Amino acid sequence: MSGTSDKIKGYANEAVGNIKQGVGKLLGSDRMQAEGVAQEIKGDAQKAVGEVKNKASDAYDSATSSSTADKAAGHANDAIGNVKQTVGRTVGSDRLEAEGLAQETKGEGQKISGNVKKSLGR
């Protein structure tokens, strides 16, 4: 399943969120600005979900790279994703935390892909 529709929804929510923030700032409405930030974060998360879906699909279709390279990249993305999540939680950035979750998920997919390729002898 392609993540394109998730990414499109994410870009739309991100754009609407940015507009709400600008209008809220113009009108002096803290509530509208906050709604805009929340919608932008929702859009970022939707884009991340779409990216993860696309990467999972790519990993499934991919048979050209070695299992070692996939597993190494997976461990790196997993570790970086964990750090981003922790930093995001610490500084109160939902966006950074969502990016970290997406990157960690990507890493898990890469590690699985590496294990599958290893079992197939690639």
PDB file of N, CA and C in Angstrom:
ATOM      1  N   MET A   1       0.847  -1.188   0.000  1.00  0.00           N
ATOM      2  CA  MET A   1       0.000   0.000   0.000  1.00  0.00           C
ATOM      3  C   MET A   1       0.884   1.240   0.000  1.00  0.00           C
ATOM      4  N   SER A   2       0.597   2.139  -0.877  1.00  0.00           N
ATOM      5  CA  SER A   2       1.397   3.346  -1.031  1.00  0.00           C
ATOM      6  C   SER A   2       1.041   4.383   0.023  1.00  0.00           C
ATOM      7  N   GLY A   3       2.031   5.135   0.428  1.00  0.00           N
ATOM      8  CA  GLY A   3       1.808   6.188   1.403  1.00  0.00           C
ATOM      9  C   GLY A   3       1.525   7.531   0.770  1.00  0.00           C
ATOM     10  N   THR A   4       1.292   7.549  -0.550  1.00  0.00           N
ATOM     11  CA  THR A   4       1.081   8.817  -1.250  1.00  0.00           C
ATOM     12  C   THR A   4      -0.115   9.580  -0.710  1.00  0.00           C
ATOM     13  N   SER A   5      -1.225   8.894  -0.455  1.00  0.00           N
ATOM     14  CA  SER A   5      -2.417   9.603   0.033  1.00  0.00           C
ATOM     15  C   SER A   5      -2.160  10.193   1.420  1.00  0.00           C
ATOM     16  N   ASP A   6      -1.418   9.474   2.259  1.00  0.00           N
ATOM     17  CA  ASP A   6      -1.075  10.020   3.580  1.00  0.00           C
ATOM     18  C   ASP A   6      -0.206  11.263   3.434  1.00  0.00           C
ATOM     19  N   LYS A   7       0.743  11.209   2.514  1.00  0.00           N
ATOM     20  CA  LYS A   7       1.630  12.356   2.318  1.00  0.00           C
ATOM     21  C   LYS A   7       0.853  13.560   1.779  1.00  0.00           C
ATOM     22  N   ILE A   8      -0.090  13.328   0.863  1.00  0.00           N
ATOM     23  CA  ILE A   8      -0.901  14.427   0.323  1.00  0.00           C
ATOM     24  C   ILE A   8      -1.727  15.064   1.438  1.00  0.00           C
ATOM     25  N   LYS A   9      -2.379  14.232   2.251  1.00  0.00           N
ATOM     26  CA  LYS A   9      -3.152  14.760   3.381  1.00  0.00           C
ATOM     27  C   LYS A   9      -2.243  15.539   4.325  1.00  0.00           C
ATOM     28  N   GLY A  10      -1.035  15.027   4.529  1.00  0.00           N
ATOM     29  CA  GLY A  10      -0.085  15.702   5.407  1.00  0.00           C
ATOM     30  C   GLY A  10       0.304  17.072   4.895  1.00  0.00           C
ATOM     31  N   TYR A  11       0.600  17.156   3.600  1.00  0.00           N
ATOM     32  CA  TYR A  11       0.952  18.459   3.021  1.00  0.00           C
ATOM     33  C   TYR A  11      -0.224  19.431   3.116  1.00  0.00           C
ATOM     34  N   ALA A  12      -1.441  18.923   2.899  1.00  0.00           N
ATOM     35  CA  ALA A  12      -2.625  19.785   2.993  1.00  0.00           C
ATOM     36  C   ALA A  12      -2.798  20.301   4.419  1.00  0.00           C
ATOM     37  N   ASN A  13      -2.707  19.420   5.398  1.00  0.00           N
ATOM     38  CA  ASN A  13      -2.844  19.852   6.790  1.00  0.00           C
ATOM     39  C   ASN A  13      -1.732  20.800   7.203  1.00  0.00           C
ATOM     40  N   GLU A  14      -0.545  20.545   6.713  1.00  0.00           N
ATOM     41  CA  GLU A  14       0.580  21.431   7.015  1.00  0.00           C
ATOM     42  C   GLU A  14       0.320  22.834   6.453  1.00  0.00           C
ATOM     43  N   ALA A  15      -0.156  22.900   5.215  1.00  0.00           N
ATOM     44  CA  ALA A  15      -0.435  24.197   4.584  1.00  0.00           C
ATOM     45  C   ALA A  15      -1.545  24.935   5.311  1.00  0.00           C
ATOM     46  N   VAL A  16      -2.630  24.227   5.617  1.00  0.00           N
ATOM     47  CA  VAL A  16      -3.747  24.867   6.327  1.00  0.00           C
ATOM     48  C   VAL A  16      -3.289  25.320   7.711  1.00  0.00           C
ATOM     49  N   GLY A  17      -2.471  24.515   8.357  1.00  0.00           N
ATOM     50  CA  GLY A  17      -1.948  24.901   9.665  1.00  0.00           C
ATOM     51  C   GLY A  17      -1.113  26.160   9.601  1.00  0.00           C
ATOM     52  N   ASN A  18      -0.287  26.267   8.563  1.00  0.00           N
ATOM     53  CA  ASN A  18       0.522  27.483   8.396  1.00  0.00           C
ATOM     54  C   ASN A  18      -0.358  28.703   8.163  1.00  0.00           C
ATOM     55  N   ILE A  19      -1.397  28.521   7.365  1.00  0.00           N
ATOM     56  CA  ILE A  19      -2.321  29.637   7.098  1.00  0.00           C
ATOM     57  C   ILE A  19      -3.013  30.053   8.390  1.00  0.00           C
ATOM     58  N   LYS A  20      -3.501  29.086   9.154  1.00  0.00           N
ATOM     59  CA  LYS A  20      -4.172  29.406  10.420  1.00  0.00           C
ATOM     60  C   LYS A  20      -3.235  30.167  11.356  1.00  0.00           C
ATOM     61  N   GLN A  21      -1.978  29.745  11.388  1.00  0.00           N
ATOM     62  CA  GLN A  21      -1.025  30.441  12.254  1.00  0.00           C
ATOM     63  C   GLN A  21      -0.867  31.899  11.827  1.00  0.00           C
ATOM     64  N   GLY A  22      -0.748  32.105  10.510  1.00  0.00           N
ATOM     65  CA  GLY A  22      -0.593  33.474  10.003  1.00  0.00           C
ATOM     66  C   GLY A  22      -1.811  34.333  10.263  1.00  0.00           C
ATOM     67  N   VAL A  23      -2.988  33.789  10.008  1.00  0.00           N
ATOM     68  CA  VAL A  23      -4.224  34.542  10.253  1.00  0.00           C
ATOM     69  C   VAL A  23      -4.377  34.809  11.749  1.00  0.00           C
ATOM     70  N   GLY A  24      -4.075  33.807  12.558  1.00  0.00           N
ATOM     71  CA  GLY A  24      -4.159  33.989  14.003  1.00  0.00           C
ATOM     72  C   GLY A  24      -3.223  35.076  14.495  1.00  0.00           C
ATOM     73  N   LYS A  25      -2.049  35.123  13.906  1.00  0.00           N
ATOM     74  CA  LYS A  25      -1.085  36.156  14.285  1.00  0.00           C
ATOM     75  C   LYS A  25      -1.597  37.538  13.869  1.00  0.00           C
ATOM     76  N   LEU A  26      -2.136  37.616  12.641  1.00  0.00           N
ATOM     77  CA  LEU A  26      -2.692  38.881  12.153  1.00  0.00           C
ATOM     78  C   LEU A  26      -3.834  39.381  13.032  1.00  0.00           C
ATOM     79  N   LEU A  27      -4.688  38.451  13.450  1.00  0.00           N
ATOM     80  CA  LEU A  27      -5.857  38.816  14.246  1.00  0.00           C
ATOM     81  C   LEU A  27      -5.566  38.888  15.740  1.00  0.00           C
ATOM     82  N   GLY A  28      -4.380  38.469  16.123  1.00  0.00           N
ATOM     83  CA  GLY A  28      -4.030  38.452  17.540  1.00  0.00           C
ATOM     84  C   GLY A  28      -4.733  37.335  18.288  1.00  0.00           C
ATOM     85  N   SER A  29      -5.052  36.246  17.596  1.00  0.00           N
ATOM     86  CA  SER A  29      -5.769  35.130  18.201  1.00  0.00           C
ATOM     87  C   SER A  29      -4.797  34.004  18.552  1.00  0.00           C
ATOM     88  N   ASP A  30      -4.510  33.909  19.847  1.00  0.00           N
ATOM     89  CA  ASP A  30      -3.632  32.830  20.305  1.00  0.00           C
ATOM     90  C   ASP A  30      -4.251  31.463  20.033  1.00  0.00           C
ATOM     91  N   ARG A  31      -5.564  31.382  20.143  1.00  0.00           N
ATOM     92  CA  ARG A  31      -6.254  30.104  19.912  1.00  0.00           C
ATOM     93  C   ARG A  31      -6.070  29.645  18.467  1.00  0.00           C
ATOM     94  N   MET A  32      -6.256  30.554  17.526  1.00  0.00           N
ATOM     95  CA  MET A  32      -6.120  30.194  16.119  1.00  0.00           C
ATOM     96  C   MET A  32      -4.669  29.820  15.801  1.00  0.00           C
ATOM     97  N   GLN A  33      -3.735  30.520  16.402  1.00  0.00           N
ATOM     98  CA  GLN A  33      -2.323  30.180  16.203  1.00  0.00           C
ATOM     99  C   GLN A  33      -2.036  28.774  16.730  1.00  0.00           C
ATOM    100  N   ALA A  34      -2.569  28.468  17.896  1.00  0.00           N
ATOM    101  CA  ALA A  34      -2.359  27.142  18.488  1.00  0.00           C
ATOM    102  C   ALA A  34      -2.999  26.052  17.640  1.00  0.00           C
ATOM    103  N   GLU A  35      -4.196  26.326  17.116  1.00  0.00           N
ATOM    104  CA  GLU A  35      -4.848  25.365  16.227  1.00  0.00           C
ATOM    105  C   GLU A  35      -4.002  25.144  14.973  1.00  0.00           C
ATOM    106  N   GLY A  36      -3.424  26.222  14.482  1.00  0.00           N
ATOM    107  CA  GLY A  36      -2.567  26.118  13.308  1.00  0.00           C
ATOM    108  C   GLY A  36      -1.334  25.270  13.579  1.00  0.00           C
ATOM    109  N   VAL A  37      -0.719  25.463  14.729  1.00  0.00           N
ATOM    110  CA  VAL A  37       0.450  24.665  15.101  1.00  0.00           C
ATOM    111  C   VAL A  37       0.056  23.193  15.202  1.00  0.00           C
ATOM    112  N   ALA A  38      -1.078  22.941  15.854  1.00  0.00           N
ATOM    113  CA  ALA A  38      -1.534  21.555  16.009  1.00  0.00           C
ATOM    114  C   ALA A  38      -1.809  20.911  14.647  1.00  0.00           C
ATOM    115  N   GLN A  39      -2.428  21.656  13.749  1.00  0.00           N
ATOM    116  CA  GLN A  39      -2.733  21.101  12.429  1.00  0.00           C
ATOM    117  C   GLN A  39      -1.452  20.880  11.622  1.00  0.00           C
ATOM    118  N   GLU A  40      -0.497  21.764  11.773  1.00  0.00           N
ATOM    119  CA  GLU A  40       0.776  21.595  11.078  1.00  0.00           C
ATOM    120  C   GLU A  40       1.496  20.338  11.586  1.00  0.00           C
ATOM    121  N   ILE A  41       1.481  20.131  12.892  1.00  0.00           N
ATOM    122  CA  ILE A  41       2.099  18.937  13.472  1.00  0.00           C
ATOM    123  C   ILE A  41       1.375  17.684  12.986  1.00  0.00           C
ATOM    124  N   LYS A  42       0.057  17.745  12.913  1.00  0.00           N
ATOM    125  CA  LYS A  42      -0.719  16.617  12.388  1.00  0.00           C
ATOM    126  C   LYS A  42      -0.289  16.320  10.951  1.00  0.00           C
ATOM    127  N   GLY A  43      -0.110  17.359  10.164  1.00  0.00           N
ATOM    128  CA  GLY A  43       0.333  17.189   8.786  1.00  0.00           C
ATOM    129  C   GLY A  43       1.712  16.563   8.707  1.00  0.00           C
ATOM    130  N   ASP A  44       2.606  17.004   9.568  1.00  0.00           N
ATOM    131  CA  ASP A  44       3.952  16.421   9.599  1.00  0.00           C
ATOM    132  C   ASP A  44       3.888  14.938   9.945  1.00  0.00           C
ATOM    133  N   ALA A  45       3.032  14.595  10.903  1.00  0.00           N
ATOM    134  CA  ALA A  45       2.898  13.188  11.285  1.00  0.00           C
ATOM    135  C   ALA A  45       2.317  12.366  10.132  1.00  0.00           C
ATOM    136  N   GLN A  46       1.325  12.917   9.422  1.00  0.00           N
ATOM    137  CA  GLN A  46       0.744  12.208   8.279  1.00  0.00           C
ATOM    138  C   GLN A  46       1.787  11.989   7.193  1.00  0.00           C
ATOM    139  N   LYS A  47       2.612  13.002   6.948  1.00  0.00           N
ATOM    140  CA  LYS A  47       3.672  12.845   5.950  1.00  0.00           C
ATOM    141  C   LYS A  47       4.654  11.763   6.387  1.00  0.00           C
ATOM    142  N   ALA A  48       4.968  11.736   7.669  1.00  0.00           N
ATOM    143  CA  ALA A  48       5.884  10.719   8.180  1.00  0.00           C
ATOM    144  C   ALA A  48       5.297   9.318   8.008  1.00  0.00           C
ATOM    145  N   VAL A  49       4.004   9.179   8.277  1.00  0.00           N
ATOM    146  CA  VAL A  49       3.344   7.884   8.081  1.00  0.00           C
ATOM    147  C   VAL A  49       3.425   7.480   6.616  1.00  0.00           C
ATOM    148  N   GLY A  50       3.159   8.419   5.723  1.00  0.00           N
ATOM    149  CA  GLY A  50       3.253   8.130   4.294  1.00  0.00           C
ATOM    150  C   GLY A  50       4.649   7.719   3.886  1.00  0.00           C
ATOM    151  N   GLU A  51       5.633   8.390   4.444  1.00  0.00           N
ATOM    152  CA  GLU A  51       7.020   8.058   4.134  1.00  0.00           C
ATOM    153  C   GLU A  51       7.376   6.664   4.629  1.00  0.00           C
ATOM    154  N   VAL A  52       6.913   6.341   5.841  1.00  0.00           N
ATOM    155  CA  VAL A  52       7.167   5.012   6.388  1.00  0.00           C
ATOM    156  C   VAL A  52       6.516   3.944   5.507  1.00  0.00           C
ATOM    157  N   LYS A  53       5.286   4.198   5.077  1.00  0.00           N
ATOM    158  CA  LYS A  53       4.607   3.243   4.193  1.00  0.00           C
ATOM    159  C   LYS A  53       5.383   3.072   2.892  1.00  0.00           C
ATOM    160  N   ASN A  54       5.836   4.169   2.341  1.00  0.00           N
ATOM    161  CA  ASN A  54       6.609   4.083   1.099  1.00  0.00           C
ATOM    162  C   ASN A  54       7.913   3.325   1.310  1.00  0.00           C
ATOM    163  N   LYS A  55       8.585   3.610   2.409  1.00  0.00           N
ATOM    164  CA  LYS A  55       9.848   2.925   2.689  1.00  0.00           C
ATOM    165  C   LYS A  55       9.617   1.437   2.926  1.00  0.00           C
ATOM    166  N   ALA A  56       8.534   1.106   3.606  1.00  0.00           N
ATOM    167  CA  ALA A  56       8.226  -0.306   3.832  1.00  0.00           C
ATOM    168  C   ALA A  56       7.967  -1.005   2.504  1.00  0.00           C
ATOM    169  N   SER A  57       7.263  -0.323   1.628  1.00  0.00           N
ATOM    170  CA  SER A  57       7.002  -0.880   0.302  1.00  0.00           C
ATOM    171  C   SER A  57       8.300  -1.034  -0.486  1.00  0.00           C
ATOM    172  N   ASP A  58       9.158  -0.023  -0.407  1.00  0.00           N
ATOM    173  CA  ASP A  58      10.456  -0.090  -1.086  1.00  0.00           C
ATOM    174  C   ASP A  58      11.305  -1.236  -0.544  1.00  0.00           C
ATOM    175  N   ALA A  59      11.277  -1.401   0.773  1.00  0.00           N
ATOM    176  CA  ALA A  59      12.062  -2.480   1.382  1.00  0.00           C
ATOM    177  C   ALA A  59      11.561  -3.837   0.912  1.00  0.00           C
ATOM    178  N   TYR A  60      10.269  -3.946   0.792  1.00  0.00           N
ATOM    179  CA  TYR A  60       9.684  -5.201   0.324  1.00  0.00           C
ATOM    180  C   TYR A  60      10.098  -5.484  -1.117  1.00  0.00           C
ATOM    181  N   ASP A  61      10.058  -4.450  -1.933  1.00  0.00           N
ATOM    182  CA  ASP A  61      10.377  -4.612  -3.348  1.00  0.00           C
ATOM    183  C   ASP A  61      11.878  -4.711  -3.622  1.00  0.00           C
ATOM    184  N   SER A  62      12.663  -4.222  -2.694  1.00  0.00           N
ATOM    185  CA  SER A  62      14.106  -4.165  -2.921  1.00  0.00           C
ATOM    186  C   SER A  62      14.760  -5.527  -2.765  1.00  0.00           C
ATOM    187  N   ALA A  63      15.567  -5.873  -3.738  1.00  0.00           N
ATOM    188  CA  ALA A  63      16.318  -7.130  -3.641  1.00  0.00           C
ATOM    189  C   ALA A  63      17.750  -6.922  -4.103  1.00  0.00           C
ATOM    190  N   THR A  64      18.168  -5.666  -4.233  1.00  0.00           N
ATOM    191  CA  THR A  64      19.487  -5.414  -4.803  1.00  0.00           C
ATOM    192  C   THR A  64      20.556  -5.104  -3.765  1.00  0.00           C
ATOM    193  N   SER A  65      20.199  -4.586  -2.638  1.00  0.00           N
ATOM    194  CA  SER A  65      21.227  -4.242  -1.659  1.00  0.00           C
ATOM    195  C   SER A  65      21.481  -5.421  -0.724  1.00  0.00           C
ATOM    196  N   SER A  66      22.619  -5.409  -0.083  1.00  0.00           N
ATOM    197  CA  SER A  66      23.001  -6.534   0.770  1.00  0.00           C
ATOM    198  C   SER A  66      22.278  -6.479   2.114  1.00  0.00           C
ATOM    199  N   SER A  67      22.198  -7.644   2.751  1.00  0.00           N
ATOM    200  CA  SER A  67      21.559  -7.715   4.060  1.00  0.00           C
ATOM    201  C   SER A  67      22.349  -6.920   5.100  1.00  0.00           C
ATOM    202  N   THR A  68      23.665  -6.932   4.992  1.00  0.00           N
ATOM    203  CA  THR A  68      24.509  -6.222   5.959  1.00  0.00           C
ATOM    204  C   THR A  68      24.277  -4.719   5.880  1.00  0.00           C
ATOM    205  N   ALA A  69      24.208  -4.198   4.662  1.00  0.00           N
ATOM    206  CA  ALA A  69      23.976  -2.757   4.502  1.00  0.00           C
ATOM    207  C   ALA A  69      22.609  -2.364   5.050  1.00  0.00           C
ATOM    208  N   ASP A  70      21.593  -3.173   4.763  1.00  0.00           N
ATOM    209  CA  ASP A  70      20.255  -2.879   5.271  1.00  0.00           C
ATOM    210  C   ASP A  70      20.229  -2.888   6.799  1.00  0.00           C
ATOM    211  N   LYS A  71      20.842  -3.916   7.378  1.00  0.00           N
ATOM    212  CA  LYS A  71      20.825  -4.017   8.837  1.00  0.00           C
ATOM    213  C   LYS A  71      21.609  -2.877   9.478  1.00  0.00           C
ATOM    214  N   ALA A  72      22.737  -2.495   8.890  1.00  0.00           N
ATOM    215  CA  ALA A  72      23.533  -1.393   9.436  1.00  0.00           C
ATOM    216  C   ALA A  72      22.750  -0.078   9.366  1.00  0.00           C
ATOM    217  N   ALA A  73      22.137   0.178   8.221  1.00  0.00           N
ATOM    218  CA  ALA A  73      21.329   1.391   8.081  1.00  0.00           C
ATOM    219  C   ALA A  73      20.143   1.355   9.038  1.00  0.00           C
ATOM    220  N   GLY A  74      19.574   0.184   9.213  1.00  0.00           N
ATOM    221  CA  GLY A  74      18.441   0.035  10.129  1.00  0.00           C
ATOM    222  C   GLY A  74      18.818   0.350  11.565  1.00  0.00           C
ATOM    223  N   HIS A  75      19.949  -0.158  11.997  1.00  0.00           N
ATOM    224  CA  HIS A  75      20.401   0.130  13.369  1.00  0.00           C
ATOM    225  C   HIS A  75      20.693   1.621  13.543  1.00  0.00           C
ATOM    226  N   ALA A  76      21.278   2.237  12.519  1.00  0.00           N
ATOM    227  CA  ALA A  76      21.566   3.675  12.598  1.00  0.00           C
ATOM    228  C   ALA A  76      20.272   4.481  12.683  1.00  0.00           C
ATOM    229  N   ASN A  77      19.306   4.183  11.801  1.00  0.00           N
ATOM    230  CA  ASN A  77      18.036   4.918  11.821  1.00  0.00           C
ATOM    231  C   ASN A  77      17.266   4.671  13.115  1.00  0.00           C
ATOM    232  N   ASP A  78      17.327   3.459  13.623  1.00  0.00           N
ATOM    233  CA  ASP A  78      16.671   3.128  14.879  1.00  0.00           C
ATOM    234  C   ASP A  78      17.251   3.976  16.013  1.00  0.00           C
ATOM    235  N   ALA A  79      18.571   4.044  16.089  1.00  0.00           N
ATOM    236  CA  ALA A  79      19.234   4.802  17.158  1.00  0.00           C
ATOM    237  C   ALA A  79      18.962   6.302  17.037  1.00  0.00           C
ATOM    238  N   ILE A  80      19.071   6.827  15.818  1.00  0.00           N
ATOM    239  CA  ILE A  80      18.827   8.261  15.613  1.00  0.00           C
ATOM    240  C   ILE A  80      17.369   8.598  15.926  1.00  0.00           C
ATOM    241  N   GLY A  81      16.465   7.713  15.517  1.00  0.00           N
ATOM    242  CA  GLY A  81      15.049   7.925  15.811  1.00  0.00           C
ATOM    243  C   GLY A  81      14.769   7.962  17.299  1.00  0.00           C
ATOM    244  N   ASN A  82      15.399   7.069  18.046  1.00  0.00           N
ATOM    245  CA  ASN A  82      15.221   7.067  19.503  1.00  0.00           C
ATOM    246  C   ASN A  82      15.710   8.369  20.115  1.00  0.00           C
ATOM    247  N   VAL A  83      16.856   8.856  19.638  1.00  0.00           N
ATOM    248  CA  VAL A  83      17.392  10.117  20.162  1.00  0.00           C
ATOM    249  C   VAL A  83      16.443  11.274  19.849  1.00  0.00           C
ATOM    250  N   LYS A  84      15.953  11.321  18.606  1.00  0.00           N
ATOM    251  CA  LYS A  84      15.018  12.398  18.235  1.00  0.00           C
ATOM    252  C   LYS A  84      13.762  12.366  19.096  1.00  0.00           C
ATOM    253  N   GLN A  85      13.245  11.172  19.362  1.00  0.00           N
ATOM    254  CA  GLN A  85      12.050  11.074  20.199  1.00  0.00           C
ATOM    255  C   GLN A  85      12.323  11.601  21.605  1.00  0.00           C
ATOM    256  N   THR A  86      13.457  11.211  22.159  1.00  0.00           N
ATOM    257  CA  THR A  86      13.802  11.642  23.514  1.00  0.00           C
ATOM    258  C   THR A  86      13.986  13.149  23.580  1.00  0.00           C
ATOM    259  N   VAL A  87      14.701  13.695  22.619  1.00  0.00           N
ATOM    260  CA  VAL A  87      14.912  15.142  22.593  1.00  0.00           C
ATOM    261  C   VAL A  87      13.575  15.864  22.389  1.00  0.00           C
ATOM    262  N   GLY A  88      12.754  15.335  21.475  1.00  0.00           N
ATOM    263  CA  GLY A  88      11.444  15.935  21.229  1.00  0.00           C
ATOM    264  C   GLY A  88      10.591  15.978  22.482  1.00  0.00           C
ATOM    265  N   ARG A  89      10.566  14.866  23.225  1.00  0.00           N
ATOM    266  CA  ARG A  89       9.809  14.823  24.475  1.00  0.00           C
ATOM    267  C   ARG A  89      10.381  15.808  25.489  1.00  0.00           C
ATOM    268  N   THR A  90      11.703  15.882  25.549  1.00  0.00           N
ATOM    269  CA  THR A  90      12.375  16.738  26.533  1.00  0.00           C
ATOM    270  C   THR A  90      12.092  18.208  26.288  1.00  0.00           C
ATOM    271  N   VAL A  91      12.146  18.623  25.024  1.00  0.00           N
ATOM    272  CA  VAL A  91      11.945  20.044  24.719  1.00  0.00           C
ATOM    273  C   VAL A  91      10.491  20.369  24.377  1.00  0.00           C
ATOM    274  N   GLY A  92       9.616  19.346  24.392  1.00  0.00           N
ATOM    275  CA  GLY A  92       8.203  19.584  24.115  1.00  0.00           C
ATOM    276  C   GLY A  92       7.897  19.773  22.641  1.00  0.00           C
ATOM    277  N   SER A  93       8.678  19.163  21.767  1.00  0.00           N
ATOM    278  CA  SER A  93       8.460  19.287  20.327  1.00  0.00           C
ATOM    279  C   SER A  93       7.793  18.025  19.793  1.00  0.00           C
ATOM    280  N   ASP A  94       6.477  18.115  19.566  1.00  0.00           N
ATOM    281  CA  ASP A  94       5.748  16.980  18.998  1.00  0.00           C
ATOM    282  C   ASP A  94       6.273  16.636  17.614  1.00  0.00           C
ATOM    283  N   ARG A  95       6.677  17.638  16.869  1.00  0.00           N
ATOM    284  CA  ARG A  95       7.187  17.425  15.520  1.00  0.00           C
ATOM    285  C   ARG A  95       8.465  16.578  15.553  1.00  0.00           C
ATOM    286  N   LEU A  96       9.403  16.937  16.408  1.00  0.00           N
ATOM    287  CA  LEU A  96      10.656  16.194  16.501  1.00  0.00           C
ATOM    288  C   LEU A  96      10.402  14.777  17.012  1.00  0.00           C
ATOM    289  N   GLU A  97       9.483  14.647  17.950  1.00  0.00           N
ATOM    290  CA  GLU A  97       9.149  13.323  18.469  1.00  0.00           C
ATOM    291  C   GLU A  97       8.541  12.444  17.371  1.00  0.00           C
ATOM    292  N   ALA A  98       7.662  13.032  16.542  1.00  0.00           N
ATOM    293  CA  ALA A  98       7.054  12.280  15.429  1.00  0.00           C
ATOM    294  C   ALA A  98       8.106  11.902  14.390  1.00  0.00           C
ATOM    295  N   GLU A  99       9.023  12.811  14.101  1.00  0.00           N
ATOM    296  CA  GLU A  99      10.113  12.498  13.167  1.00  0.00           C
ATOM    297  C   GLU A  99      10.951  11.337  13.693  1.00  0.00           C
ATOM    298  N   GLY A 100      11.202  11.357  14.987  1.00  0.00           N
ATOM    299  CA  GLY A 100      11.972  10.286  15.603  1.00  0.00           C
ATOM    300  C   GLY A 100      11.266   8.948  15.507  1.00  0.00           C
ATOM    301  N   LEU A 101       9.961   8.960  15.748  1.00  0.00           N
ATOM    302  CA  LEU A 101       9.191   7.720  15.635  1.00  0.00           C
ATOM    303  C   LEU A 101       9.218   7.196  14.212  1.00  0.00           C
ATOM    304  N   ALA A 102       9.078   8.093  13.251  1.00  0.00           N
ATOM    305  CA  ALA A 102       9.116   7.684  11.839  1.00  0.00           C
ATOM    306  C   ALA A 102      10.479   7.108  11.479  1.00  0.00           C
ATOM    307  N   GLN A 103      11.529   7.743  11.957  1.00  0.00           N
ATOM    308  CA  GLN A 103      12.879   7.267  11.636  1.00  0.00           C
ATOM    309  C   GLN A 103      13.164   5.934  12.328  1.00  0.00           C
ATOM    310  N   GLU A 104      12.687   5.787  13.543  1.00  0.00           N
ATOM    311  CA  GLU A 104      12.870   4.519  14.246  1.00  0.00           C
ATOM    312  C   GLU A 104      12.120   3.396  13.506  1.00  0.00           C
ATOM    313  N   THR A 105      10.912   3.686  13.055  1.00  0.00           N
ATOM    314  CA  THR A 105      10.128   2.709  12.307  1.00  0.00           C
ATOM    315  C   THR A 105      10.823   2.341  11.007  1.00  0.00           C
ATOM    316  N   LYS A 106      11.389   3.333  10.344  1.00  0.00           N
ATOM    317  CA  LYS A 106      12.155   3.073   9.123  1.00  0.00           C
ATOM    318  C   LYS A 106      13.317   2.136   9.427  1.00  0.00           C
ATOM    319  N   GLY A 107      14.008   2.380  10.521  1.00  0.00           N
ATOM    320  CA  GLY A 107      15.131   1.534  10.911  1.00  0.00           C
ATOM    321  C   GLY A 107      14.700   0.106  11.186  1.00  0.00           C
ATOM    322  N   GLU A 108      13.573  -0.046  11.848  1.00  0.00           N
ATOM    323  CA  GLU A 108      13.064  -1.393  12.124  1.00  0.00           C
ATOM    324  C   GLU A 108      12.767  -2.119  10.813  1.00  0.00           C
ATOM    325  N   GLY A 109      12.192  -1.399   9.861  1.00  0.00           N
ATOM    326  CA  GLY A 109      11.912  -1.993   8.556  1.00  0.00           C
ATOM    327  C   GLY A 109      13.182  -2.399   7.831  1.00  0.00           C
ATOM    328  N   GLN A 110      14.209  -1.567   7.924  1.00  0.00           N
ATOM    329  CA  GLN A 110      15.483  -1.887   7.281  1.00  0.00           C
ATOM    330  C   GLN A 110      16.127  -3.121   7.911  1.00  0.00           C
ATOM    331  N   LYS A 111      16.037  -3.217   9.223  1.00  0.00           N
ATOM    332  CA  LYS A 111      16.614  -4.381   9.891  1.00  0.00           C
ATOM    333  C   LYS A 111      15.870  -5.655   9.476  1.00  0.00           C
ATOM    334  N   ILE A 112      14.560  -5.570   9.388  1.00  0.00           N
ATOM    335  CA  ILE A 112      13.764  -6.723   8.950  1.00  0.00           C
ATOM    336  C   ILE A 112      14.138  -7.097   7.529  1.00  0.00           C
ATOM    337  N   SER A 113      14.258  -6.087   6.679  1.00  0.00           N
ATOM    338  CA  SER A 113      14.650  -6.337   5.287  1.00  0.00           C
ATOM    339  C   SER A 113      16.005  -7.036   5.220  1.00  0.00           C
ATOM    340  N   GLY A 114      16.936  -6.590   6.036  1.00  0.00           N
ATOM    341  CA  GLY A 114      18.251  -7.207   6.081  1.00  0.00           C
ATOM    342  C   GLY A 114      18.186  -8.661   6.519  1.00  0.00           C
ATOM    343  N   ASN A 115      17.349  -8.927   7.510  1.00  0.00           N
ATOM    344  CA  ASN A 115      17.200 -10.311   7.980  1.00  0.00           C
ATOM    345  C   ASN A 115      16.571 -11.205   6.917  1.00  0.00           C
ATOM    346  N   VAL A 116      15.584 -10.661   6.198  1.00  0.00           N
ATOM    347  CA  VAL A 116      14.942 -11.437   5.116  1.00  0.00           C
ATOM    348  C   VAL A 116      15.956 -11.719   4.022  1.00  0.00           C
ATOM    349  N   LYS A 117      16.714 -10.721   3.633  1.00  0.00           N
ATOM    350  CA  LYS A 117      17.720 -10.902   2.584  1.00  0.00           C
ATOM    351  C   LYS A 117      18.781 -11.912   3.021  1.00  0.00           C
ATOM    352  N   LYS A 118      19.150 -11.851   4.290  1.00  0.00           N
ATOM    353  CA  LYS A 118      20.154 -12.804   4.787  1.00  0.00           C
ATOM    354  C   LYS A 118      19.612 -14.226   4.676  1.00  0.00           C
ATOM    355  N   SER A 119      18.328 -14.393   5.015  1.00  0.00           N
ATOM    356  CA  SER A 119      17.744 -15.732   4.934  1.00  0.00           C
ATOM    357  C   SER A 119      17.620 -16.204   3.479  1.00  0.00           C
ATOM    358  N   LEU A 120      17.572 -15.262   2.521  1.00  0.00           N
ATOM    359  CA  LEU A 120      17.511 -15.609   1.114  1.00  0.00           C
ATOM    360  C   LEU A 120      18.909 -15.741   0.500  1.00  0.00           C
ATOM    361  N   GLY A 121      19.929 -15.421   1.301  1.00  0.00           N
ATOM    362  CA  GLY A 121      21.305 -15.556   0.829  1.00  0.00           C
ATOM    363  C   GLY A 121      21.807 -14.378   0.034  1.00  0.00           C
ATOM    364  N   ARG A 122      21.287 -13.192   0.299  1.00  0.00           N
ATOM    365  CA  ARG A 122      21.736 -11.992  -0.441  1.00  0.00           C
ATOM    366  C   ARG A 122      22.578 -11.107   0.431  1.00  0.00           C
TER     367      ARG A 122
END
